[in-house]
Protein backbone atom coordinates (compact mmCIF):
# COMPACT_ATOMS: atom_id res chain seq x y z
CA MET A 1 -17.03 -94.84 33.61
CA THR A 2 -16.60 -97.90 35.80
CA GLY A 3 -19.30 -100.55 35.61
CA GLY A 4 -20.01 -99.34 32.09
CA ALA A 5 -21.49 -102.62 30.83
CA GLY A 6 -24.05 -102.87 33.62
CA PHE A 7 -27.60 -101.66 34.06
CA ILE A 8 -26.95 -98.02 34.97
CA GLY A 9 -23.70 -97.76 33.02
CA SER A 10 -25.25 -98.81 29.72
CA HIS A 11 -27.86 -96.05 30.00
CA LEU A 12 -25.30 -93.45 31.08
CA CYS A 13 -23.08 -94.39 28.14
CA ARG A 14 -25.86 -93.61 25.67
CA ARG A 15 -26.62 -90.25 27.28
CA LEU A 16 -22.97 -89.18 27.35
CA LEU A 17 -22.57 -90.05 23.68
CA GLU A 18 -25.70 -88.09 22.84
CA ASN A 19 -24.15 -85.12 24.63
CA GLY A 20 -21.04 -85.33 22.44
CA ASN A 21 -18.61 -86.87 24.92
CA ARG A 22 -15.84 -89.36 24.24
CA VAL A 23 -16.60 -92.34 26.49
CA ARG A 24 -14.51 -95.16 27.94
CA CYS A 25 -16.48 -98.02 29.54
CA ILE A 26 -14.66 -100.16 32.09
CA ASP A 27 -16.14 -103.45 33.31
CA ASN A 28 -15.03 -106.92 34.42
CA LEU A 29 -18.13 -108.41 32.69
CA HIS A 30 -18.99 -110.49 35.75
CA ARG A 31 -22.60 -109.28 35.59
CA GLY A 32 -22.52 -106.73 32.80
CA ALA A 33 -22.16 -107.42 29.08
CA TRP A 34 -21.03 -105.24 26.21
CA GLU A 35 -24.23 -106.28 24.44
CA ASN A 36 -26.10 -104.05 26.92
CA LEU A 37 -24.60 -101.06 25.12
CA GLY A 38 -26.37 -101.99 21.89
CA ASP A 39 -25.36 -99.83 18.96
CA CYS A 40 -23.35 -97.61 21.34
CA ALA A 41 -20.67 -100.28 21.74
CA SER A 42 -19.00 -99.36 18.44
CA GLN A 43 -18.77 -95.71 19.50
CA VAL A 44 -17.01 -96.11 22.86
CA GLU A 45 -13.69 -97.42 24.12
CA LEU A 46 -14.34 -100.78 25.78
CA VAL A 47 -11.92 -101.81 28.54
CA THR A 48 -12.19 -105.15 30.31
CA ALA A 49 -10.49 -104.77 33.69
CA ASP A 50 -10.73 -106.07 37.25
CA LEU A 51 -10.88 -103.01 39.50
CA ARG A 52 -9.87 -105.11 42.48
CA ASN A 53 -6.40 -104.96 40.90
CA LEU A 54 -4.76 -101.56 41.46
CA ASP A 55 -2.45 -101.73 38.42
CA GLN A 56 -5.36 -102.49 36.11
CA THR A 57 -7.37 -99.68 37.68
CA LEU A 58 -4.57 -97.14 37.28
CA GLU A 59 -4.20 -98.03 33.60
CA ALA A 60 -7.94 -98.11 32.91
CA LEU A 61 -8.53 -94.59 34.26
CA LYS A 62 -5.44 -93.00 32.70
CA GLY A 63 -6.19 -89.92 30.62
CA ALA A 64 -9.79 -89.42 31.81
CA ASP A 65 -11.22 -85.95 32.47
CA VAL A 66 -14.22 -87.18 34.47
CA VAL A 67 -14.89 -90.50 36.22
CA TYR A 68 -18.39 -91.83 36.84
CA HIS A 69 -17.72 -94.56 39.41
CA LEU A 70 -20.59 -97.05 39.26
CA ALA A 71 -18.79 -100.39 39.65
CA SER A 72 -19.72 -102.54 42.65
CA ILE A 73 -21.25 -105.89 43.51
CA VAL A 74 -25.00 -105.31 43.40
CA GLY A 75 -28.12 -107.45 43.42
CA GLY A 76 -31.34 -108.17 45.22
CA ILE A 77 -31.37 -108.26 49.00
CA GLY A 78 -30.70 -112.03 48.92
CA VAL A 79 -27.30 -111.36 47.35
CA TYR A 80 -26.40 -108.88 50.07
CA ILE A 81 -27.43 -111.25 52.86
CA LYS A 82 -25.90 -114.46 51.47
CA HIS A 83 -22.63 -112.89 50.33
CA ALA A 84 -22.15 -110.15 52.91
CA SER A 85 -18.39 -110.59 53.34
CA THR A 86 -17.69 -110.73 49.59
CA VAL A 87 -19.81 -107.62 49.02
CA TRP A 88 -17.93 -105.76 51.75
CA LEU A 89 -14.42 -106.85 50.79
CA ASP A 90 -14.79 -106.41 47.03
CA ASN A 91 -16.72 -103.15 47.08
CA THR A 92 -14.40 -101.43 49.55
CA LEU A 93 -11.39 -102.65 47.56
CA ILE A 94 -12.84 -101.45 44.26
CA ASP A 95 -13.63 -98.04 45.76
CA GLN A 96 -10.17 -97.56 47.24
CA ASN A 97 -8.45 -98.56 43.99
CA VAL A 98 -10.61 -96.20 41.94
CA PHE A 99 -9.98 -93.35 44.39
CA ARG A 100 -6.22 -94.00 44.29
CA ALA A 101 -6.30 -94.03 40.50
CA VAL A 102 -8.22 -90.75 40.42
CA ILE A 103 -5.60 -89.10 42.62
CA GLN A 104 -2.54 -90.60 40.91
CA ASN A 105 -3.91 -89.76 37.45
CA ARG A 106 -5.00 -86.33 38.76
CA ILE A 107 -8.57 -86.61 37.44
CA SER A 108 -10.31 -83.51 38.72
CA ARG A 109 -13.99 -84.59 38.62
CA LEU A 110 -15.47 -87.74 40.15
CA PHE A 111 -19.07 -88.89 40.44
CA TYR A 112 -19.67 -91.53 43.12
CA ALA A 113 -22.75 -93.75 43.04
CA SER A 114 -23.65 -94.32 46.68
CA SER A 115 -26.87 -95.88 47.93
CA GLY A 116 -29.93 -95.46 50.11
CA HIS A 117 -28.67 -98.54 51.95
CA VAL A 118 -26.30 -96.28 53.93
CA TYR A 119 -29.18 -95.35 56.25
CA PRO A 120 -29.69 -97.06 59.62
CA GLU A 121 -31.82 -100.18 59.46
CA ALA A 122 -33.69 -99.03 62.58
CA LEU A 123 -35.24 -96.17 60.60
CA GLN A 124 -36.72 -98.62 58.09
CA GLN A 125 -38.64 -101.01 60.33
CA THR A 126 -42.19 -99.83 59.63
CA PRO A 127 -43.97 -99.38 56.28
CA SER A 128 -44.72 -95.77 57.20
CA GLY A 129 -41.29 -94.88 58.59
CA PRO A 130 -39.74 -91.45 58.10
CA ASP A 131 -38.66 -90.24 54.69
CA LEU A 132 -34.88 -90.47 54.93
CA LEU A 133 -33.00 -87.17 55.06
CA GLU A 134 -29.30 -87.02 54.21
CA ASP A 135 -28.19 -86.24 57.78
CA MET A 136 -30.00 -89.35 59.09
CA ALA A 137 -27.09 -91.53 57.92
CA TYR A 138 -25.43 -90.81 61.28
CA PRO A 139 -25.15 -92.28 63.85
CA ALA A 140 -24.36 -95.03 61.36
CA GLN A 141 -25.94 -98.47 61.48
CA PRO A 142 -26.71 -99.77 57.98
CA GLY A 143 -28.36 -103.17 57.95
CA LEU A 144 -26.28 -104.58 55.09
CA SER A 145 -22.56 -104.76 54.36
CA TYR A 146 -23.36 -103.11 51.00
CA GLY A 147 -24.53 -100.01 52.86
CA TRP A 148 -21.48 -99.98 55.14
CA ALA A 149 -19.19 -100.17 52.11
CA LYS A 150 -20.93 -97.24 50.44
CA LEU A 151 -20.74 -95.21 53.63
CA MET A 152 -17.01 -95.89 53.86
CA GLY A 153 -16.67 -94.75 50.26
CA GLU A 154 -18.36 -91.48 51.14
CA LYS A 155 -16.05 -90.97 54.13
CA SER A 156 -12.98 -91.70 52.03
CA LEU A 157 -14.00 -89.05 49.53
CA GLY A 158 -14.45 -86.52 52.32
CA TYR A 159 -10.85 -87.08 53.39
CA LEU A 160 -9.61 -86.86 49.80
CA LEU A 161 -11.40 -83.54 49.31
CA ASP A 162 -9.68 -82.18 52.43
CA GLU A 163 -6.26 -83.26 51.20
CA HIS A 164 -6.50 -82.52 47.47
CA GLN A 165 -7.85 -79.05 46.82
CA TRP A 166 -8.05 -79.58 43.03
CA LEU A 167 -10.52 -82.47 43.38
CA HIS A 168 -14.27 -82.05 42.71
CA VAL A 169 -16.73 -84.77 43.80
CA ALA A 170 -20.47 -85.42 43.43
CA LEU A 171 -22.08 -88.09 45.63
CA ALA A 172 -25.57 -89.46 44.96
CA ARG A 173 -27.36 -91.93 47.24
CA ILE A 174 -29.44 -93.86 44.72
CA VAL A 175 -32.75 -95.18 46.02
CA GLY A 176 -34.71 -97.73 43.98
CA ALA A 177 -33.39 -97.27 40.45
CA TYR A 178 -35.03 -99.55 37.87
CA GLY A 179 -35.36 -99.84 34.11
CA PRO A 180 -34.46 -101.82 30.98
CA ASN A 181 -31.19 -103.81 30.95
CA GLN A 182 -31.52 -104.68 34.64
CA ASP A 183 -30.63 -108.16 35.91
CA ILE A 184 -33.67 -110.45 35.54
CA ASP A 185 -32.20 -113.51 37.25
CA LEU A 186 -34.72 -114.86 39.75
CA ASP A 187 -32.05 -115.34 42.43
CA THR A 188 -29.97 -112.17 42.05
CA GLY A 189 -32.22 -109.57 40.45
CA ALA A 190 -34.08 -106.68 42.09
CA ILE A 191 -37.82 -106.93 42.63
CA ILE A 192 -39.26 -105.08 39.62
CA PRO A 193 -37.34 -106.94 36.89
CA VAL A 194 -37.79 -110.24 38.73
CA LEU A 195 -41.55 -109.74 38.96
CA CYS A 196 -41.63 -108.86 35.26
CA HIS A 197 -39.64 -112.02 34.53
CA ARG A 198 -42.08 -114.16 36.49
CA ALA A 199 -45.05 -112.51 34.76
CA ALA A 200 -43.52 -112.91 31.29
CA ARG A 201 -43.12 -116.67 31.88
CA TRP A 202 -46.51 -117.19 33.52
CA PRO A 203 -48.14 -119.74 33.56
CA ASP A 204 -45.13 -121.93 32.66
CA LEU A 205 -43.21 -120.57 35.67
CA GLN A 206 -45.15 -121.06 38.89
CA PRO A 207 -45.76 -120.07 41.61
CA PHE A 208 -45.70 -116.29 41.17
CA ARG A 209 -43.78 -115.87 44.42
CA VAL A 210 -43.31 -112.53 46.16
CA TRP A 211 -41.19 -112.47 49.31
CA GLY A 212 -42.93 -110.75 52.24
CA THR A 213 -46.45 -109.62 53.01
CA GLY A 214 -46.86 -107.06 50.24
CA GLN A 215 -47.34 -104.28 52.79
CA GLU A 216 -43.65 -103.34 52.77
CA THR A 217 -43.03 -99.94 51.17
CA ARG A 218 -40.35 -98.70 48.79
CA SER A 219 -39.55 -95.77 46.53
CA TYR A 220 -38.57 -96.31 42.88
CA ILE A 221 -37.09 -94.05 40.23
CA PHE A 222 -36.84 -94.82 36.52
CA ILE A 223 -33.39 -94.98 34.98
CA ASP A 224 -33.90 -92.03 32.60
CA ASP A 225 -34.48 -89.74 35.58
CA VAL A 226 -31.40 -91.18 37.34
CA ILE A 227 -29.15 -90.50 34.36
CA ASP A 228 -30.47 -86.96 34.00
CA ALA A 229 -29.45 -86.31 37.61
CA PHE A 230 -25.98 -87.85 37.09
CA VAL A 231 -25.20 -85.53 34.20
CA ARG A 232 -26.53 -82.46 35.98
CA ALA A 233 -24.47 -83.31 39.07
CA VAL A 234 -21.19 -83.48 37.15
CA ASP A 235 -22.04 -80.28 35.28
CA ALA A 236 -22.56 -78.60 38.66
CA LEU A 237 -18.98 -79.43 39.66
CA GLU A 238 -17.90 -76.52 37.48
CA HIS A 239 -19.10 -74.28 40.32
CA THR A 240 -18.51 -76.33 43.48
CA ARG A 241 -15.96 -78.77 44.88
CA CYS A 242 -18.43 -81.09 46.59
CA LEU A 243 -22.03 -81.77 45.62
CA GLY A 244 -23.85 -83.96 48.12
CA PRO A 245 -24.23 -86.55 49.32
CA PHE A 246 -27.82 -86.17 48.16
CA ASN A 247 -30.67 -88.64 47.86
CA LEU A 248 -31.41 -89.59 44.27
CA GLY A 249 -34.85 -91.12 44.18
CA ASN A 250 -38.54 -90.46 43.80
CA HIS A 251 -40.42 -88.65 46.54
CA GLY A 252 -43.12 -90.71 48.22
CA ARG A 253 -43.52 -94.46 48.62
CA VAL A 254 -45.56 -97.37 47.28
CA THR A 255 -46.40 -100.76 48.73
CA ILE A 256 -44.89 -103.89 47.25
CA SER A 257 -48.43 -105.09 46.58
CA ARG A 258 -48.99 -102.06 44.34
CA ILE A 259 -45.83 -102.93 42.41
CA VAL A 260 -47.10 -106.49 42.03
CA ASP A 261 -50.55 -105.35 40.93
CA THR A 262 -49.02 -103.01 38.35
CA VAL A 263 -46.83 -105.75 36.88
CA VAL A 264 -49.80 -108.13 36.70
CA SER A 265 -51.92 -105.44 35.03
CA VAL A 266 -49.23 -104.61 32.48
CA SER A 267 -48.79 -108.31 31.63
CA GLY A 268 -52.50 -108.71 30.88
CA LYS A 269 -52.47 -112.17 32.47
CA PRO A 270 -54.75 -113.66 35.17
CA ILE A 271 -51.86 -114.30 37.56
CA ASP A 272 -52.34 -115.84 41.01
CA VAL A 273 -49.93 -114.13 43.41
CA PHE A 274 -48.32 -116.02 46.31
CA TYR A 275 -46.89 -113.85 49.12
CA ASP A 276 -44.23 -115.93 50.86
CA THR A 277 -43.58 -114.87 54.46
CA ALA A 278 -41.21 -117.74 55.25
CA VAL A 279 -38.21 -115.37 55.24
CA ALA A 280 -38.32 -112.50 57.72
CA THR A 281 -38.52 -109.03 56.18
CA ARG A 282 -35.32 -107.02 56.76
CA ILE A 283 -36.50 -103.62 55.49
CA TRP A 284 -40.17 -102.75 56.02
CA GLY A 285 -40.11 -99.26 54.62
CA GLN A 286 -37.57 -97.33 52.56
CA ALA A 287 -38.23 -93.94 51.01
CA ALA A 288 -36.05 -90.87 50.72
CA ASP A 289 -36.64 -87.16 50.97
CA THR A 290 -35.37 -85.73 47.65
CA ALA A 291 -35.68 -82.01 48.35
CA LEU A 292 -31.91 -81.54 48.44
CA ALA A 293 -31.43 -83.11 45.00
CA ARG A 294 -34.13 -80.88 43.54
CA ARG A 295 -32.39 -77.84 45.03
CA LEU A 296 -28.84 -78.78 44.02
CA LEU A 297 -29.76 -79.97 40.51
CA SER A 298 -31.75 -76.92 39.49
CA GLY A 299 -34.58 -77.90 37.16
CA TRP A 300 -34.32 -81.63 37.89
CA ALA A 301 -37.28 -83.73 38.98
CA PRO A 302 -38.37 -87.33 38.24
CA ARG A 303 -40.69 -87.37 35.24
CA VAL A 304 -41.45 -91.03 34.48
CA SER A 305 -44.49 -92.43 36.31
CA LEU A 306 -44.35 -95.81 38.02
CA GLU A 307 -46.93 -97.26 35.62
CA ASP A 308 -45.07 -96.06 32.53
CA GLY A 309 -41.73 -97.22 33.90
CA ILE A 310 -42.95 -100.71 34.78
CA SER A 311 -44.61 -101.01 31.37
CA ARG A 312 -41.29 -100.25 29.69
CA VAL A 313 -39.44 -102.71 31.92
CA TYR A 314 -41.98 -105.46 31.25
CA GLU A 315 -41.63 -104.96 27.49
CA ASP A 316 -37.83 -105.22 27.78
CA VAL A 317 -37.95 -108.29 30.04
CA ALA A 318 -40.52 -110.10 27.90
CA ARG A 319 -38.35 -109.54 24.83
CA ARG A 320 -35.25 -110.90 26.60
CA VAL A 321 -37.13 -113.92 27.95
CA ALA A 322 -38.44 -114.70 24.47
CA GLN A 323 -34.93 -114.45 23.04
CA ARG A 324 -33.58 -116.85 25.68
CA GLU A 325 -36.35 -119.37 25.08
CA GLY A 326 -35.79 -119.09 21.35
CA HIS A 327 -32.14 -120.09 21.84
CA ALA A 328 -32.90 -122.85 24.35
């Protein structure tokens, strides 16, 4: 798998090992770390490679039977806005190199981690906007370069499927994945781990800032449910050449204020919340219709509740914060 030392990759690695697979994890370690694999690290082949380099990519993927392609520049929305050109250039380059390596090494099965950010920004401008269906991606107008890059990845795979009849591809548009091992950096992390970080360090870290009004809506899915879908999708490629693109998320939506309230409740602390509206909200509502995923991945459905998931993330974040402070 590419991006094997990151948030999603580290969880996928564990599941694949549990299922009896031989696993090779490829990462440039820019954001990921082999330590994220825990006791799994000794059981997998670890390859440090820069997938922006085609020669390194060709060598890293050589001999694989299946590729889970997770590697990309990811982060909170601030990362995507501040570094839009880098996100676009690097992610499109990484995708094209991985796709070339898959073809040249004749790897018959590929899983591609796309994103809910492929959908037009205009459809996400109210908290109660429409649940996003897969065919709503066109006419295309993603609001972020990250979404454009993922959409171009999907199009590239469509052309490859037309040209190479032996290729099998699954494409999942991930919407709101969260869980342990996620980036907790206050500047680059996604909202749930960042809120847990702020809560774990309260009251030493103040204010407890939340960007926006709190009325924005999102949909979140716990990492265990994401990984279950990944594995089912690749298994389904035994019977079809192309699975998806399908939305991989949790049906329904929650307000950001509910996320905040849940984190505060889990922390058990009397936290004063400051909603900062100084920066204009880019996405007011994002939630996906997941009926297609439930149909394609027979028997799959998200099982972890938001409250249970956030509780598990807070426990992980608090432990990591305590370890950092212990080494300070």
